[in-house]
Protein backbone atom coordinates (compact mmCIF):
# COMPACT_ATOMS: atom_id res chain seq x y z
CA MET A 1 -17.08 5.80 30.00
CA THR A 2 -14.89 6.85 27.11
CA VAL A 3 -11.95 4.80 26.04
CA ASN A 4 -8.79 5.41 23.89
CA VAL A 5 -9.29 4.15 20.05
CA ASP A 6 -5.67 3.53 18.65
CA LEU A 7 -5.58 3.83 14.74
CA PRO A 8 -2.40 2.43 13.96
CA GLU A 9 -0.33 3.68 11.07
CA HIS A 10 -0.98 0.75 8.64
CA ILE A 11 -4.75 1.07 8.94
CA ARG A 12 -4.21 4.91 8.11
CA ALA A 13 -1.98 3.86 5.13
CA ARG A 14 -5.01 1.41 3.87
CA CYS A 15 -7.49 3.89 4.43
CA THR A 16 -5.50 6.45 2.33
CA GLU A 17 -4.89 3.79 -0.33
CA LEU A 18 -8.84 3.12 -0.41
CA GLY A 19 -9.78 6.85 -1.06
CA ASP A 20 -10.38 10.17 0.50
CA GLY A 21 -13.47 9.61 2.32
CA VAL A 22 -12.32 6.42 3.91
CA LEU A 23 -9.96 7.94 6.64
CA HIS A 24 -12.81 10.28 7.50
CA ALA A 25 -15.31 7.47 7.97
CA VAL A 26 -12.95 5.37 9.94
CA LYS A 27 -12.01 8.21 12.26
CA THR A 28 -15.59 9.10 12.84
CA LEU A 29 -16.37 5.61 13.54
CA ALA A 30 -13.31 5.55 16.17
CA ARG A 31 -15.24 8.52 17.97
CA GLN A 32 -18.28 6.68 18.17
CA LEU A 33 -16.64 3.67 19.56
CA ALA A 34 -14.61 5.82 22.07
CA ASP A 35 -18.12 6.45 23.72
CA ASP A 36 -19.66 3.15 23.05
CA PRO A 37 -17.13 0.36 22.69
CA HIS A 38 -19.83 -2.33 22.27
CA LEU A 39 -21.32 -0.66 19.11
CA GLY A 40 -19.96 -3.38 17.03
CA GLU A 41 -20.87 -7.12 17.14
CA ARG A 42 -19.00 -9.59 18.68
CA THR A 43 -16.97 -12.12 16.51
CA GLY A 44 -17.37 -14.99 18.77
CA ARG A 45 -13.76 -14.48 19.90
CA LEU A 46 -13.13 -12.78 23.17
CA ALA A 47 -12.93 -9.06 22.81
CA LEU A 48 -12.92 -9.00 19.23
CA TYR A 49 -15.75 -7.14 17.27
CA THR A 50 -16.81 -5.96 13.86
CA ALA A 51 -18.64 -2.93 12.83
CA THR A 52 -19.78 -1.88 9.48
CA ILE A 53 -19.83 1.39 7.73
CA ASP A 54 -22.55 2.18 4.99
CA SER A 55 -21.23 3.95 1.65
CA ASP A 56 -24.52 5.87 1.76
CA THR A 57 -23.49 7.55 4.92
CA PHE A 58 -20.17 8.82 3.87
CA ASP A 59 -19.44 10.30 0.10
CA ALA A 60 -16.27 8.74 -1.45
CA CYS A 61 -16.20 5.82 0.90
CA PRO A 62 -17.07 2.28 0.06
CA PRO A 63 -18.82 -0.11 2.21
CA LEU A 64 -16.51 -1.43 4.87
CA ILE A 65 -16.24 -3.76 7.51
CA VAL A 66 -14.04 -2.68 10.40
CA ARG A 67 -12.41 -5.41 12.86
CA TYR A 68 -11.49 -3.97 16.29
CA ALA A 69 -10.15 -5.36 19.78
CA TYR A 70 -11.73 -4.00 22.63
CA GLY A 71 -10.25 -4.55 26.45
CA PRO A 72 -8.96 -7.78 27.97
CA PRO A 73 -7.55 -10.02 27.63
CA LEU A 74 -6.07 -8.54 24.39
CA LEU A 75 -5.93 -4.76 25.49
CA ASP A 76 -6.22 -2.71 28.60
CA VAL A 77 -9.55 -2.12 29.94
CA ASP A 78 -10.06 1.26 28.53
CA ARG A 79 -8.50 0.67 24.98
CA ILE A 80 -9.81 -0.10 21.68
CA GLU A 81 -7.42 -1.07 18.55
CA ILE A 82 -8.83 -1.07 15.02
CA ARG A 83 -6.90 -4.12 13.41
CA ASP A 84 -8.38 -4.39 9.77
CA ILE A 85 -10.51 -2.86 7.41
CA GLU A 86 -12.12 -4.69 4.63
CA VAL A 87 -14.07 -3.25 1.68
CA THR A 88 -17.36 -5.10 1.05
CA GLY A 89 -18.71 -3.15 -2.01
CA PRO A 90 -17.39 -1.20 -4.93
CA LEU A 91 -14.89 1.66 -4.64
CA PRO A 92 -16.41 5.04 -5.20
CA ALA A 93 -15.17 6.48 -8.67
CA PRO A 94 -12.25 8.97 -8.22
CA ALA A 95 -13.16 12.40 -8.43
CA THR A 96 -12.72 13.82 -12.12
CA SER A 97 -10.89 16.78 -12.75
CA ARG A 98 -12.32 19.29 -15.23
CA PRO A 99 -10.41 19.09 -18.54
CA PRO A 100 -8.49 22.28 -19.22
CA ARG A 101 -10.45 24.91 -20.84
CA PRO A 102 -9.27 25.84 -24.15
CA CYS A 103 -7.27 29.04 -24.12
CA ARG A 104 -8.54 31.65 -26.64
CA ILE A 105 -6.15 33.87 -27.97
CA PRO A 106 -7.56 36.80 -29.74
CA ALA A 107 -7.02 36.89 -33.42
CA CYS A 108 -3.92 39.03 -34.24
CA SER A 109 -5.11 42.32 -35.99
CA ARG A 110 -3.34 43.34 -39.03
CA SER A 111 -1.95 46.71 -39.28
CA PRO A 112 -3.59 48.87 -41.97
CA ARG A 113 -0.48 48.50 -44.20
CA ASP A 114 -0.97 44.78 -44.62
CA ARG A 115 -4.45 45.08 -45.87
């Protein structure tokens, strides 16, 4: 059974704030949840789950806890909604760009008259 996974705009914005790799990691988890909604662990509350994303699995992504709702009574039977993302470890260092290479200008040659 494949279910629909909603990734609300505020969650997408939060992913973007956290770094380039976070949105990719959360989308990957969403695809996995569509195939297996019980992939995460129940939080004790009806229809609420948590899943973890390991920072070793995805480049440029810190370790995360993703909270989501699945099915009744909060949602329709075939629906998941990602509700929260929590960073549980250090953020990866931002990619550093190379410093600009110095531009080498060939030495001006003097005309034979100036020598």
